[in-house]
Amino acid sequence: MNVAAQDPQRLLDEAIDLVIRLQVDPGNSVTLDMIRTWRKRGPDYEAAWSRVADAYGMSGKVLTDRAKAEKRESLAPTRRHLVIGGAVGLGAALAGTVYGPSAILRAKADYITGKGEISRFELPDGSVATLGPDSALALDYTPEKRGIELLSGMSFFDVVGDARRPFAVQTGGLTATAIGTAFDVANDAGILTVSVDRGIVEARASISSLESGQRLRAGEWISFEPSSNTIERGMREPGQTALWRNNIIAAEQETVAALVARIGRWYPGRIIIADPFVGSRRVSGLFDLANPQRALEAVVLPAGARVRRVSSYLTLISPV
């Protein structure tokens, strides 16, 4: 087989699909056989696998042994489990029947989406906003500026150039400004992220290291956590910005809390993380949102936790 003739982008897409399969079910022998067979097709296949696996923390030995160990559950009830059980009852009462953005958010937003809904909106200047699930935007357009507030969730912007009117997106104390570019802005569990697909975006916040602005180019991303003034930066492969538009989450050492908040935009009801330590753990991987339940399980498994659907209104994440 002439593997040199293979399309590199197609090989990367196939490798990503295999990584997702492995993330969802690490111990599946069929998936492991598929991966081994696919990698043996030629050096280009192996190179594509290594590129994707290294990027998402799955290089080296497949994590089968660890996954099996983390899946073991004790059948004996513990005091901790009983305490959590009591909290669940309270949480279920508080969860109510409210889904998606609150009434206050709806009143303030110009564009809004519900759980699992992704919508594309053309803005007054011809720019396009692709709004993620359970998300909301408010516009502040004037003859001098194009202002947007991301009230909740995530949005990808494809911006029409206008040197006289900068395009600025603000969320939670972070502002991303561009003239003509495409970029993604997200607010998950208080962690604010800007990712650039093409062009240049300036990220600015009130803390000293971002007060004068940080320029981001294609493939670069920056995240800011206001509660701790923590800043992180990184790079993504071309075409991997805002993969959520295709119902995929690409995580690079992101906290479980942020990932749970993001997956929760596709997931019905409310999700509660019972142990803050679990929420602070960091996870890498690709997670398929076509099945949010399995994506959620794949995120929390490396953190030593499990997902329990208490009711149609409430899901609990707790240590195993």
C-alpha atoms as a PDB file:
ATOM      1  CA  MET A   1       0.000   0.000   0.000  1.00  0.00           C
ATOM      2  CA  ASN A   2       1.397   3.409  -0.966  1.00  0.00           C
ATOM      3  CA  VAL A   3       0.988   5.205   2.360  1.00  0.00           C
ATOM      4  CA  ALA A   4       2.928   8.233   1.078  1.00  0.00           C
ATOM      5  CA  ALA A   5      -0.113   9.044  -1.039  1.00  0.00           C
ATOM      6  CA  GLN A   6      -2.370   9.217   1.998  1.00  0.00           C
ATOM      7  CA  ASP A   7      -3.840  12.584   2.961  1.00  0.00           C
ATOM      8  CA  PRO A   8      -2.084  13.716   6.184  1.00  0.00           C
ATOM      9  CA  GLN A   9      -5.213  15.499   7.430  1.00  0.00           C
ATOM     10  CA  ARG A  10      -7.308  12.373   6.907  1.00  0.00           C
ATOM     11  CA  LEU A  11      -4.766  10.308   8.851  1.00  0.00           C
ATOM     12  CA  LEU A  12      -4.886  12.822  11.706  1.00  0.00           C
ATOM     13  CA  ASP A  13      -8.698  12.664  11.704  1.00  0.00           C
ATOM     14  CA  GLU A  14      -8.582   8.853  11.861  1.00  0.00           C
ATOM     15  CA  ALA A  15      -6.027   8.977  14.682  1.00  0.00           C
ATOM     16  CA  ILE A  16      -8.230  11.416  16.621  1.00  0.00           C
ATOM     17  CA  ASP A  17     -11.196   9.069  16.213  1.00  0.00           C
ATOM     18  CA  LEU A  18      -9.138   6.169  17.591  1.00  0.00           C
ATOM     19  CA  VAL A  19      -7.987   8.238  20.579  1.00  0.00           C
ATOM     20  CA  ILE A  20     -11.611   9.126  21.326  1.00  0.00           C
ATOM     21  CA  ARG A  21     -12.568   5.448  21.225  1.00  0.00           C
ATOM     22  CA  LEU A  22      -9.758   4.655  23.648  1.00  0.00           C
ATOM     23  CA  GLN A  23     -10.698   7.507  25.997  1.00  0.00           C
ATOM     24  CA  VAL A  24     -14.311   6.325  26.132  1.00  0.00           C
ATOM     25  CA  ASP A  25     -13.483   2.650  26.790  1.00  0.00           C
ATOM     26  CA  PRO A  26      -9.783   2.166  27.706  1.00  0.00           C
ATOM     27  CA  GLY A  27      -9.998  -1.580  28.272  1.00  0.00           C
ATOM     28  CA  ASN A  28     -11.894  -2.530  25.091  1.00  0.00           C
ATOM     29  CA  SER A  29      -9.874  -5.266  23.342  1.00  0.00           C
ATOM     30  CA  VAL A  30     -11.523  -4.555  19.973  1.00  0.00           C
ATOM     31  CA  THR A  31     -10.450  -0.907  20.135  1.00  0.00           C
ATOM     32  CA  LEU A  32      -6.896  -1.898  21.104  1.00  0.00           C
ATOM     33  CA  ASP A  33      -6.705  -4.320  18.168  1.00  0.00           C
ATOM     34  CA  MET A  34      -8.023  -1.633  15.816  1.00  0.00           C
ATOM     35  CA  ILE A  35      -5.328   0.780  16.986  1.00  0.00           C
ATOM     36  CA  ARG A  36      -2.531  -1.776  16.613  1.00  0.00           C
ATOM     37  CA  THR A  37      -3.690  -2.754  13.109  1.00  0.00           C
ATOM     38  CA  TRP A  38      -4.095   0.862  12.024  1.00  0.00           C
ATOM     39  CA  ARG A  39      -0.626   1.857  13.256  1.00  0.00           C
ATOM     40  CA  LYS A  40       0.992  -1.054  11.379  1.00  0.00           C
ATOM     41  CA  ARG A  41      -0.286   0.185   8.018  1.00  0.00           C
ATOM     42  CA  GLY A  42       2.824   2.283   7.508  1.00  0.00           C
ATOM     43  CA  PRO A  43       5.137   4.990   8.883  1.00  0.00           C
ATOM     44  CA  ASP A  44       2.690   7.792   8.069  1.00  0.00           C
ATOM     45  CA  TYR A  45       0.013   6.080  10.154  1.00  0.00           C
ATOM     46  CA  GLU A  46       2.420   5.610  13.063  1.00  0.00           C
ATOM     47  CA  ALA A  47       3.540   9.255  12.795  1.00  0.00           C
ATOM     48  CA  ALA A  48      -0.077  10.477  12.827  1.00  0.00           C
ATOM     49  CA  TRP A  49      -0.857   8.314  15.869  1.00  0.00           C
ATOM     50  CA  SER A  50       2.223   9.570  17.733  1.00  0.00           C
ATOM     51  CA  ARG A  51       1.391  13.183  16.944  1.00  0.00           C
ATOM     52  CA  VAL A  52      -2.150  12.918  18.300  1.00  0.00           C
ATOM     53  CA  ALA A  53      -1.347  10.600  21.217  1.00  0.00           C
ATOM     54  CA  ASP A  54       1.558  12.759  22.404  1.00  0.00           C
ATOM     55  CA  ALA A  55      -0.597  15.877  22.230  1.00  0.00           C
ATOM     56  CA  TYR A  56      -3.232  14.336  24.484  1.00  0.00           C
ATOM     57  CA  GLY A  57      -1.121  12.496  27.035  1.00  0.00           C
ATOM     58  CA  MET A  58      -1.580   8.962  25.690  1.00  0.00           C
ATOM     59  CA  SER A  59       1.908   8.154  24.431  1.00  0.00           C
ATOM     60  CA  GLY A  60       3.730   5.056  25.634  1.00  0.00           C
ATOM     61  CA  LYS A  61       1.831   2.123  27.098  1.00  0.00           C
ATOM     62  CA  VAL A  62      -1.919   2.287  26.683  1.00  0.00           C
ATOM     63  CA  LEU A  63      -3.505   3.121  29.990  1.00  0.00           C
ATOM     64  CA  THR A  64      -5.410  -0.144  30.269  1.00  0.00           C
ATOM     65  CA  ASP A  65      -3.975  -1.261  33.609  1.00  0.00           C
ATOM     66  CA  ARG A  66      -4.577   2.117  35.207  1.00  0.00           C
ATOM     67  CA  ALA A  67      -8.113   2.284  33.867  1.00  0.00           C
ATOM     68  CA  LYS A  68      -8.918  -1.169  35.255  1.00  0.00           C
ATOM     69  CA  ALA A  69      -7.511  -0.246  38.646  1.00  0.00           C
ATOM     70  CA  GLU A  70      -9.465   3.008  38.758  1.00  0.00           C
ATOM     71  CA  LYS A  71     -12.689   1.251  37.807  1.00  0.00           C
ATOM     72  CA  ARG A  72     -12.615  -1.014  40.869  1.00  0.00           C
ATOM     73  CA  GLU A  73     -15.247   0.004  43.347  1.00  0.00           C
ATOM     74  CA  SER A  74     -15.662  -1.006  46.939  1.00  0.00           C
ATOM     75  CA  LEU A  75     -18.981  -2.691  47.629  1.00  0.00           C
ATOM     76  CA  ALA A  76     -18.887  -1.798  51.329  1.00  0.00           C
ATOM     77  CA  PRO A  77     -20.674   1.476  52.214  1.00  0.00           C
ATOM     78  CA  THR A  78     -18.496   4.034  53.976  1.00  0.00           C
ATOM     79  CA  ARG A  79     -19.272   7.004  56.159  1.00  0.00           C
ATOM     80  CA  ARG A  80     -18.093   9.236  53.325  1.00  0.00           C
ATOM     81  CA  HIS A  81     -20.614   7.666  50.947  1.00  0.00           C
ATOM     82  CA  LEU A  82     -23.399   8.142  53.476  1.00  0.00           C
ATOM     83  CA  VAL A  83     -22.500  11.811  53.922  1.00  0.00           C
ATOM     84  CA  ILE A  84     -22.461  12.309  50.173  1.00  0.00           C
ATOM     85  CA  GLY A  85     -25.806  10.549  49.947  1.00  0.00           C
ATOM     86  CA  GLY A  86     -27.293  13.104  52.323  1.00  0.00           C
ATOM     87  CA  ALA A  87     -25.883  15.933  50.224  1.00  0.00           C
ATOM     88  CA  VAL A  88     -27.473  14.426  47.149  1.00  0.00           C
ATOM     89  CA  GLY A  89     -30.931  14.729  48.657  1.00  0.00           C
ATOM     90  CA  LEU A  90     -30.373  18.409  49.328  1.00  0.00           C
ATOM     91  CA  GLY A  91     -28.882  18.919  45.887  1.00  0.00           C
ATOM     92  CA  ALA A  92     -31.868  17.271  44.226  1.00  0.00           C
ATOM     93  CA  ALA A  93     -34.198  19.613  46.087  1.00  0.00           C
ATOM     94  CA  LEU A  94     -32.172  22.637  45.024  1.00  0.00           C
ATOM     95  CA  ALA A  95     -31.798  21.517  41.414  1.00  0.00           C
ATOM     96  CA  GLY A  96     -35.416  22.295  40.641  1.00  0.00           C
ATOM     97  CA  THR A  97     -36.594  22.084  37.058  1.00  0.00           C
ATOM     98  CA  VAL A  98     -34.578  24.945  35.561  1.00  0.00           C
ATOM     99  CA  TYR A  99     -32.473  24.037  32.552  1.00  0.00           C
ATOM    100  CA  GLY A 100     -30.098  26.280  30.615  1.00  0.00           C
ATOM    101  CA  PRO A 101     -29.578  30.014  31.162  1.00  0.00           C
ATOM    102  CA  SER A 102     -31.487  31.780  33.932  1.00  0.00           C
ATOM    103  CA  ALA A 103     -34.308  34.242  33.375  1.00  0.00           C
ATOM    104  CA  ILE A 104     -31.962  37.139  34.212  1.00  0.00           C
ATOM    105  CA  LEU A 105     -29.475  35.935  31.614  1.00  0.00           C
ATOM    106  CA  ARG A 106     -32.215  35.609  29.013  1.00  0.00           C
ATOM    107  CA  ALA A 107     -33.318  39.177  29.660  1.00  0.00           C
ATOM    108  CA  LYS A 108     -29.794  40.500  29.137  1.00  0.00           C
ATOM    109  CA  ALA A 109     -28.735  38.394  26.150  1.00  0.00           C
ATOM    110  CA  ASP A 110     -29.128  39.236  22.477  1.00  0.00           C
ATOM    111  CA  TYR A 111     -28.283  35.669  21.427  1.00  0.00           C
ATOM    112  CA  ILE A 112     -28.790  32.583  23.552  1.00  0.00           C
ATOM    113  CA  THR A 113     -28.762  28.793  23.230  1.00  0.00           C
ATOM    114  CA  GLY A 114     -30.103  25.900  25.285  1.00  0.00           C
ATOM    115  CA  LYS A 115     -28.535  22.616  26.415  1.00  0.00           C
ATOM    116  CA  GLY A 116     -26.944  20.739  23.525  1.00  0.00           C
ATOM    117  CA  GLU A 117     -27.781  23.514  21.037  1.00  0.00           C
ATOM    118  CA  ILE A 118     -25.147  25.057  18.746  1.00  0.00           C
ATOM    119  CA  SER A 119     -26.313  28.055  16.692  1.00  0.00           C
ATOM    120  CA  ARG A 120     -24.709  30.311  14.111  1.00  0.00           C
ATOM    121  CA  PHE A 121     -25.618  34.003  14.197  1.00  0.00           C
ATOM    122  CA  GLU A 122     -24.677  36.750  11.755  1.00  0.00           C
ATOM    123  CA  LEU A 123     -23.791  39.893  13.699  1.00  0.00           C
ATOM    124  CA  PRO A 124     -24.736  43.449  12.560  1.00  0.00           C
ATOM    125  CA  ASP A 125     -21.311  44.062  10.954  1.00  0.00           C
ATOM    126  CA  GLY A 126     -21.356  40.823   8.951  1.00  0.00           C
ATOM    127  CA  SER A 127     -19.141  38.905  11.385  1.00  0.00           C
ATOM    128  CA  VAL A 128     -20.401  35.474  12.442  1.00  0.00           C
ATOM    129  CA  ALA A 129     -20.699  34.062  15.958  1.00  0.00           C
ATOM    130  CA  THR A 130     -21.080  30.309  16.434  1.00  0.00           C
ATOM    131  CA  LEU A 131     -22.569  30.041  19.907  1.00  0.00           C
ATOM    132  CA  GLY A 132     -22.012  26.882  21.932  1.00  0.00           C
ATOM    133  CA  PRO A 133     -24.666  25.122  24.023  1.00  0.00           C
ATOM    134  CA  ASP A 134     -26.106  26.781  27.127  1.00  0.00           C
ATOM    135  CA  SER A 135     -24.345  30.022  26.147  1.00  0.00           C
ATOM    136  CA  ALA A 136     -25.303  33.663  25.783  1.00  0.00           C
ATOM    137  CA  LEU A 137     -24.011  36.863  24.144  1.00  0.00           C
ATOM    138  CA  ALA A 138     -24.882  40.533  24.581  1.00  0.00           C
ATOM    139  CA  LEU A 139     -23.954  43.134  21.925  1.00  0.00           C
ATOM    140  CA  ASP A 140     -22.669  46.670  22.396  1.00  0.00           C
ATOM    141  CA  TYR A 141     -22.222  47.991  18.858  1.00  0.00           C
ATOM    142  CA  THR A 142     -21.661  51.715  18.264  1.00  0.00           C
ATOM    143  CA  PRO A 143     -20.191  53.733  15.359  1.00  0.00           C
ATOM    144  CA  GLU A 144     -16.843  53.607  17.206  1.00  0.00           C
ATOM    145  CA  LYS A 145     -16.673  50.002  18.427  1.00  0.00           C
ATOM    146  CA  ARG A 146     -17.946  46.458  18.105  1.00  0.00           C
ATOM    147  CA  GLY A 147     -18.346  45.197  21.642  1.00  0.00           C
ATOM    148  CA  ILE A 148     -19.565  41.761  22.742  1.00  0.00           C
ATOM    149  CA  GLU A 149     -19.998  40.320  26.224  1.00  0.00           C
ATOM    150  CA  LEU A 150     -19.900  36.552  26.522  1.00  0.00           C
ATOM    151  CA  LEU A 151     -22.349  36.165  29.383  1.00  0.00           C
ATOM    152  CA  SER A 152     -22.066  32.404  29.606  1.00  0.00           C
ATOM    153  CA  GLY A 153     -20.473  29.466  27.843  1.00  0.00           C
ATOM    154  CA  MET A 154     -18.456  29.621  24.643  1.00  0.00           C
ATOM    155  CA  SER A 155     -18.491  31.195  21.208  1.00  0.00           C
ATOM    156  CA  PHE A 156     -16.381  31.078  18.056  1.00  0.00           C
ATOM    157  CA  PHE A 157     -16.098  34.339  16.135  1.00  0.00           C
ATOM    158  CA  ASP A 158     -15.288  34.773  12.443  1.00  0.00           C
ATOM    159  CA  VAL A 159     -14.629  38.503  12.294  1.00  0.00           C
ATOM    160  CA  VAL A 160     -15.028  40.867   9.357  1.00  0.00           C
ATOM    161  CA  GLY A 161     -12.068  43.257   9.234  1.00  0.00           C
ATOM    162  CA  ASP A 162     -12.718  46.912  10.097  1.00  0.00           C
ATOM    163  CA  ALA A 163      -9.625  48.892  11.155  1.00  0.00           C
ATOM    164  CA  ARG A 164     -11.768  51.774  12.391  1.00  0.00           C
ATOM    165  CA  ARG A 165     -13.839  49.619  14.745  1.00  0.00           C
ATOM    166  CA  PRO A 166     -11.966  46.949  16.735  1.00  0.00           C
ATOM    167  CA  PHE A 167     -13.897  43.792  17.568  1.00  0.00           C
ATOM    168  CA  ALA A 168     -13.702  43.145  21.323  1.00  0.00           C
ATOM    169  CA  VAL A 169     -15.148  40.225  23.319  1.00  0.00           C
ATOM    170  CA  GLN A 170     -15.283  40.521  27.106  1.00  0.00           C
ATOM    171  CA  THR A 171     -15.989  37.786  29.632  1.00  0.00           C
ATOM    172  CA  GLY A 172     -15.316  37.661  33.356  1.00  0.00           C
ATOM    173  CA  GLY A 173     -12.593  40.323  33.383  1.00  0.00           C
ATOM    174  CA  LEU A 174     -10.789  39.119  30.239  1.00  0.00           C
ATOM    175  CA  THR A 175     -11.018  41.012  26.934  1.00  0.00           C
ATOM    176  CA  ALA A 176     -10.015  39.616  23.536  1.00  0.00           C
ATOM    177  CA  THR A 177      -9.639  42.201  20.761  1.00  0.00           C
ATOM    178  CA  ALA A 178      -9.193  41.590  17.028  1.00  0.00           C
ATOM    179  CA  ILE A 179      -9.620  43.429  13.736  1.00  0.00           C
ATOM    180  CA  GLY A 180     -10.026  40.615  11.211  1.00  0.00           C
ATOM    181  CA  THR A 181      -9.528  37.078  12.466  1.00  0.00           C
ATOM    182  CA  ALA A 182     -11.242  33.938  13.781  1.00  0.00           C
ATOM    183  CA  PHE A 183     -11.021  32.940  17.422  1.00  0.00           C
ATOM    184  CA  ASP A 184     -12.769  31.158  20.261  1.00  0.00           C
ATOM    185  CA  VAL A 185     -13.669  32.498  23.719  1.00  0.00           C
ATOM    186  CA  ALA A 186     -14.902  30.286  26.572  1.00  0.00           C
ATOM    187  CA  ASN A 187     -15.880  30.679  30.212  1.00  0.00           C
ATOM    188  CA  ASP A 188     -15.965  27.320  32.021  1.00  0.00           C
ATOM    189  CA  ALA A 189     -16.128  27.087  35.823  1.00  0.00           C
ATOM    190  CA  GLY A 190     -14.555  30.536  36.078  1.00  0.00           C
ATOM    191  CA  ILE A 191     -11.632  29.687  33.776  1.00  0.00           C
ATOM    192  CA  LEU A 192     -11.513  32.079  30.822  1.00  0.00           C
ATOM    193  CA  THR A 193      -9.902  30.908  27.591  1.00  0.00           C
ATOM    194  CA  VAL A 194      -9.040  32.547  24.258  1.00  0.00           C
ATOM    195  CA  SER A 195      -7.910  30.358  21.328  1.00  0.00           C
ATOM    196  CA  VAL A 196      -6.905  31.745  17.920  1.00  0.00           C
ATOM    197  CA  ASP A 197      -7.768  29.946  14.696  1.00  0.00           C
ATOM    198  CA  ARG A 198      -6.246  32.531  12.369  1.00  0.00           C
ATOM    199  CA  GLY A 199      -5.020  36.120  12.499  1.00  0.00           C
ATOM    200  CA  ILE A 200      -3.948  37.936  15.674  1.00  0.00           C
ATOM    201  CA  VAL A 201      -5.915  38.514  18.882  1.00  0.00           C
ATOM    202  CA  GLU A 202      -4.863  40.615  21.867  1.00  0.00           C
ATOM    203  CA  ALA A 203      -5.865  39.252  25.287  1.00  0.00           C
ATOM    204  CA  ARG A 204      -6.017  41.726  28.145  1.00  0.00           C
ATOM    205  CA  ALA A 205      -6.943  41.531  31.842  1.00  0.00           C
ATOM    206  CA  SER A 206      -6.477  43.616  34.975  1.00  0.00           C
ATOM    207  CA  ILE A 207      -3.558  41.594  36.407  1.00  0.00           C
ATOM    208  CA  SER A 208      -0.056  42.918  35.757  1.00  0.00           C
ATOM    209  CA  SER A 209       1.093  40.237  33.315  1.00  0.00           C
ATOM    210  CA  LEU A 210      -1.911  40.856  31.053  1.00  0.00           C
ATOM    211  CA  GLU A 211      -2.579  44.526  31.774  1.00  0.00           C
ATOM    212  CA  SER A 212      -0.612  45.696  28.727  1.00  0.00           C
ATOM    213  CA  GLY A 213      -2.044  42.923  26.550  1.00  0.00           C
ATOM    214  CA  GLN A 214      -0.763  39.596  25.215  1.00  0.00           C
ATOM    215  CA  ARG A 215      -0.765  38.985  21.448  1.00  0.00           C
ATOM    216  CA  LEU A 216      -1.853  35.549  20.319  1.00  0.00           C
ATOM    217  CA  ARG A 217      -1.314  34.159  16.824  1.00  0.00           C
ATOM    218  CA  ALA A 218      -2.857  31.244  14.938  1.00  0.00           C
ATOM    219  CA  GLY A 219      -2.814  28.071  17.049  1.00  0.00           C
ATOM    220  CA  GLU A 220      -2.018  29.852  20.315  1.00  0.00           C
ATOM    221  CA  TRP A 221      -4.303  29.876  23.339  1.00  0.00           C
ATOM    222  CA  ILE A 222      -4.290  31.493  26.763  1.00  0.00           C
ATOM    223  CA  SER A 223      -6.388  30.771  29.853  1.00  0.00           C
ATOM    224  CA  PHE A 224      -6.908  33.000  32.863  1.00  0.00           C
ATOM    225  CA  GLU A 225      -8.380  32.071  36.242  1.00  0.00           C
ATOM    226  CA  PRO A 226      -9.317  35.341  38.021  1.00  0.00           C
ATOM    227  CA  SER A 227      -9.813  33.696  41.419  1.00  0.00           C
ATOM    228  CA  SER A 228      -6.113  32.771  41.599  1.00  0.00           C
ATOM    229  CA  ASN A 229      -4.671  35.148  38.950  1.00  0.00           C
ATOM    230  CA  THR A 230      -3.314  32.041  37.202  1.00  0.00           C
ATOM    231  CA  ILE A 231      -2.347  32.270  33.520  1.00  0.00           C
ATOM    232  CA  GLU A 232      -1.535  29.365  31.226  1.00  0.00           C
ATOM    233  CA  ARG A 233      -0.514  29.382  27.569  1.00  0.00           C
ATOM    234  CA  GLY A 234      -0.152  26.765  24.873  1.00  0.00           C
ATOM    235  CA  MET A 235      -0.415  25.740  21.225  1.00  0.00           C
ATOM    236  CA  ARG A 236      -2.991  23.689  19.329  1.00  0.00           C
ATOM    237  CA  GLU A 237      -2.618  21.856  16.051  1.00  0.00           C
ATOM    238  CA  PRO A 238      -4.105  23.626  12.986  1.00  0.00           C
ATOM    239  CA  GLY A 239      -7.828  23.048  12.726  1.00  0.00           C
ATOM    240  CA  GLN A 240      -8.260  22.068  16.396  1.00  0.00           C
ATOM    241  CA  THR A 241      -9.574  25.407  17.664  1.00  0.00           C
ATOM    242  CA  ALA A 242     -13.181  25.179  18.861  1.00  0.00           C
ATOM    243  CA  LEU A 243     -13.563  21.478  18.082  1.00  0.00           C
ATOM    244  CA  TRP A 244     -16.732  21.662  20.184  1.00  0.00           C
ATOM    245  CA  ARG A 245     -18.427  22.880  16.976  1.00  0.00           C
ATOM    246  CA  ASN A 246     -18.082  19.247  15.850  1.00  0.00           C
ATOM    247  CA  ASN A 247     -19.155  17.900  19.264  1.00  0.00           C
ATOM    248  CA  ILE A 248     -15.579  17.122  20.338  1.00  0.00           C
ATOM    249  CA  ILE A 249     -13.623  18.531  23.288  1.00  0.00           C
ATOM    250  CA  ALA A 250      -9.836  18.654  23.054  1.00  0.00           C
ATOM    251  CA  ALA A 251      -8.270  19.008  26.507  1.00  0.00           C
ATOM    252  CA  GLU A 252      -4.633  19.705  27.307  1.00  0.00           C
ATOM    253  CA  GLN A 253      -4.044  19.383  31.052  1.00  0.00           C
ATOM    254  CA  GLU A 254      -7.328  21.104  31.862  1.00  0.00           C
ATOM    255  CA  THR A 255      -8.994  20.841  35.248  1.00  0.00           C
ATOM    256  CA  VAL A 256     -11.763  18.311  35.718  1.00  0.00           C
ATOM    257  CA  ALA A 257     -13.995  21.136  36.980  1.00  0.00           C
ATOM    258  CA  ALA A 258     -13.609  23.116  33.735  1.00  0.00           C
ATOM    259  CA  LEU A 259     -14.193  20.054  31.567  1.00  0.00           C
ATOM    260  CA  VAL A 260     -17.239  18.998  33.580  1.00  0.00           C
ATOM    261  CA  ALA A 261     -18.661  22.511  33.200  1.00  0.00           C
ATOM    262  CA  ARG A 262     -18.112  22.355  29.443  1.00  0.00           C
ATOM    263  CA  ILE A 263     -19.584  18.882  29.004  1.00  0.00           C
ATOM    264  CA  GLY A 264     -22.465  19.995  31.208  1.00  0.00           C
ATOM    265  CA  ARG A 265     -23.594  22.271  28.385  1.00  0.00           C
ATOM    266  CA  TRP A 266     -24.495  19.130  26.458  1.00  0.00           C
ATOM    267  CA  TYR A 267     -25.722  17.214  29.500  1.00  0.00           C
ATOM    268  CA  PRO A 268     -29.268  17.461  30.923  1.00  0.00           C
ATOM    269  CA  GLY A 269     -29.760  18.730  34.445  1.00  0.00           C
ATOM    270  CA  ARG A 270     -27.172  19.844  36.946  1.00  0.00           C
ATOM    271  CA  ILE A 271     -23.775  18.253  37.669  1.00  0.00           C
ATOM    272  CA  ILE A 272     -22.225  18.495  41.144  1.00  0.00           C
ATOM    273  CA  ILE A 273     -18.617  17.573  41.951  1.00  0.00           C
ATOM    274  CA  ALA A 274     -18.778  16.272  45.522  1.00  0.00           C
ATOM    275  CA  ASP A 275     -15.028  16.510  46.226  1.00  0.00           C
ATOM    276  CA  PRO A 276     -13.081  19.717  45.335  1.00  0.00           C
ATOM    277  CA  PHE A 277      -9.895  17.650  45.008  1.00  0.00           C
ATOM    278  CA  VAL A 278     -11.441  15.763  42.082  1.00  0.00           C
ATOM    279  CA  GLY A 279     -12.350  19.049  40.401  1.00  0.00           C
ATOM    280  CA  SER A 280      -8.776  20.322  40.706  1.00  0.00           C
ATOM    281  CA  ARG A 281      -7.214  17.297  39.000  1.00  0.00           C
ATOM    282  CA  ARG A 282      -5.945  17.823  35.440  1.00  0.00           C
ATOM    283  CA  VAL A 283      -6.837  15.684  32.445  1.00  0.00           C
ATOM    284  CA  SER A 284      -5.813  15.503  28.788  1.00  0.00           C
ATOM    285  CA  GLY A 285      -7.676  13.822  25.982  1.00  0.00           C
ATOM    286  CA  LEU A 286     -10.288  13.985  23.258  1.00  0.00           C
ATOM    287  CA  PHE A 287     -13.879  13.546  24.347  1.00  0.00           C
ATOM    288  CA  ASP A 288     -16.797  12.819  22.031  1.00  0.00           C
ATOM    289  CA  LEU A 289     -19.887  14.820  22.975  1.00  0.00           C
ATOM    290  CA  ALA A 290     -22.159  12.671  20.827  1.00  0.00           C
ATOM    291  CA  ASN A 291     -22.517  10.736  24.091  1.00  0.00           C
ATOM    292  CA  PRO A 292     -22.115  13.268  26.942  1.00  0.00           C
ATOM    293  CA  GLN A 293     -22.539  10.612  29.638  1.00  0.00           C
ATOM    294  CA  ARG A 294     -19.585   8.586  28.361  1.00  0.00           C
ATOM    295  CA  ALA A 295     -17.540  11.757  27.809  1.00  0.00           C
ATOM    296  CA  LEU A 296     -18.171  12.725  31.425  1.00  0.00           C
ATOM    297  CA  GLU A 297     -17.126   9.275  32.625  1.00  0.00           C
ATOM    298  CA  ALA A 298     -13.935   9.430  30.521  1.00  0.00           C
ATOM    299  CA  VAL A 299     -13.024  12.808  32.064  1.00  0.00           C
ATOM    300  CA  VAL A 300     -13.474  11.818  35.716  1.00  0.00           C
ATOM    301  CA  LEU A 301     -12.026   8.297  35.532  1.00  0.00           C
ATOM    302  CA  PRO A 302      -8.343   9.417  35.570  1.00  0.00           C
ATOM    303  CA  ALA A 303      -9.184  11.576  38.615  1.00  0.00           C
ATOM    304  CA  GLY A 304     -10.328   8.498  40.528  1.00  0.00           C
ATOM    305  CA  ALA A 305     -14.002   9.444  40.418  1.00  0.00           C
ATOM    306  CA  ARG A 306     -17.243   8.095  39.055  1.00  0.00           C
ATOM    307  CA  VAL A 307     -20.457   9.513  37.634  1.00  0.00           C
ATOM    308  CA  ARG A 308     -23.792   8.775  39.323  1.00  0.00           C
ATOM    309  CA  ARG A 309     -27.079   9.896  37.783  1.00  0.00           C
ATOM    310  CA  VAL A 310     -29.161  10.582  40.877  1.00  0.00           C
ATOM    311  CA  SER A 311     -32.221  11.821  39.001  1.00  0.00           C
ATOM    312  CA  SER A 312     -33.150  13.451  35.719  1.00  0.00           C
ATOM    313  CA  TYR A 313     -32.246  16.765  37.354  1.00  0.00           C
ATOM    314  CA  LEU A 314     -29.018  15.901  39.147  1.00  0.00           C
ATOM    315  CA  THR A 315     -25.762  14.020  38.457  1.00  0.00           C
ATOM    316  CA  LEU A 316     -23.108  13.525  41.135  1.00  0.00           C
ATOM    317  CA  ILE A 317     -19.374  13.107  40.582  1.00  0.00           C
ATOM    318  CA  SER A 318     -17.706  11.527  43.599  1.00  0.00           C
ATOM    319  CA  PRO A 319     -14.536   9.557  44.460  1.00  0.00           C
ATOM    320  CA  VAL A 320     -14.752   5.825  43.901  1.00  0.00           C
END
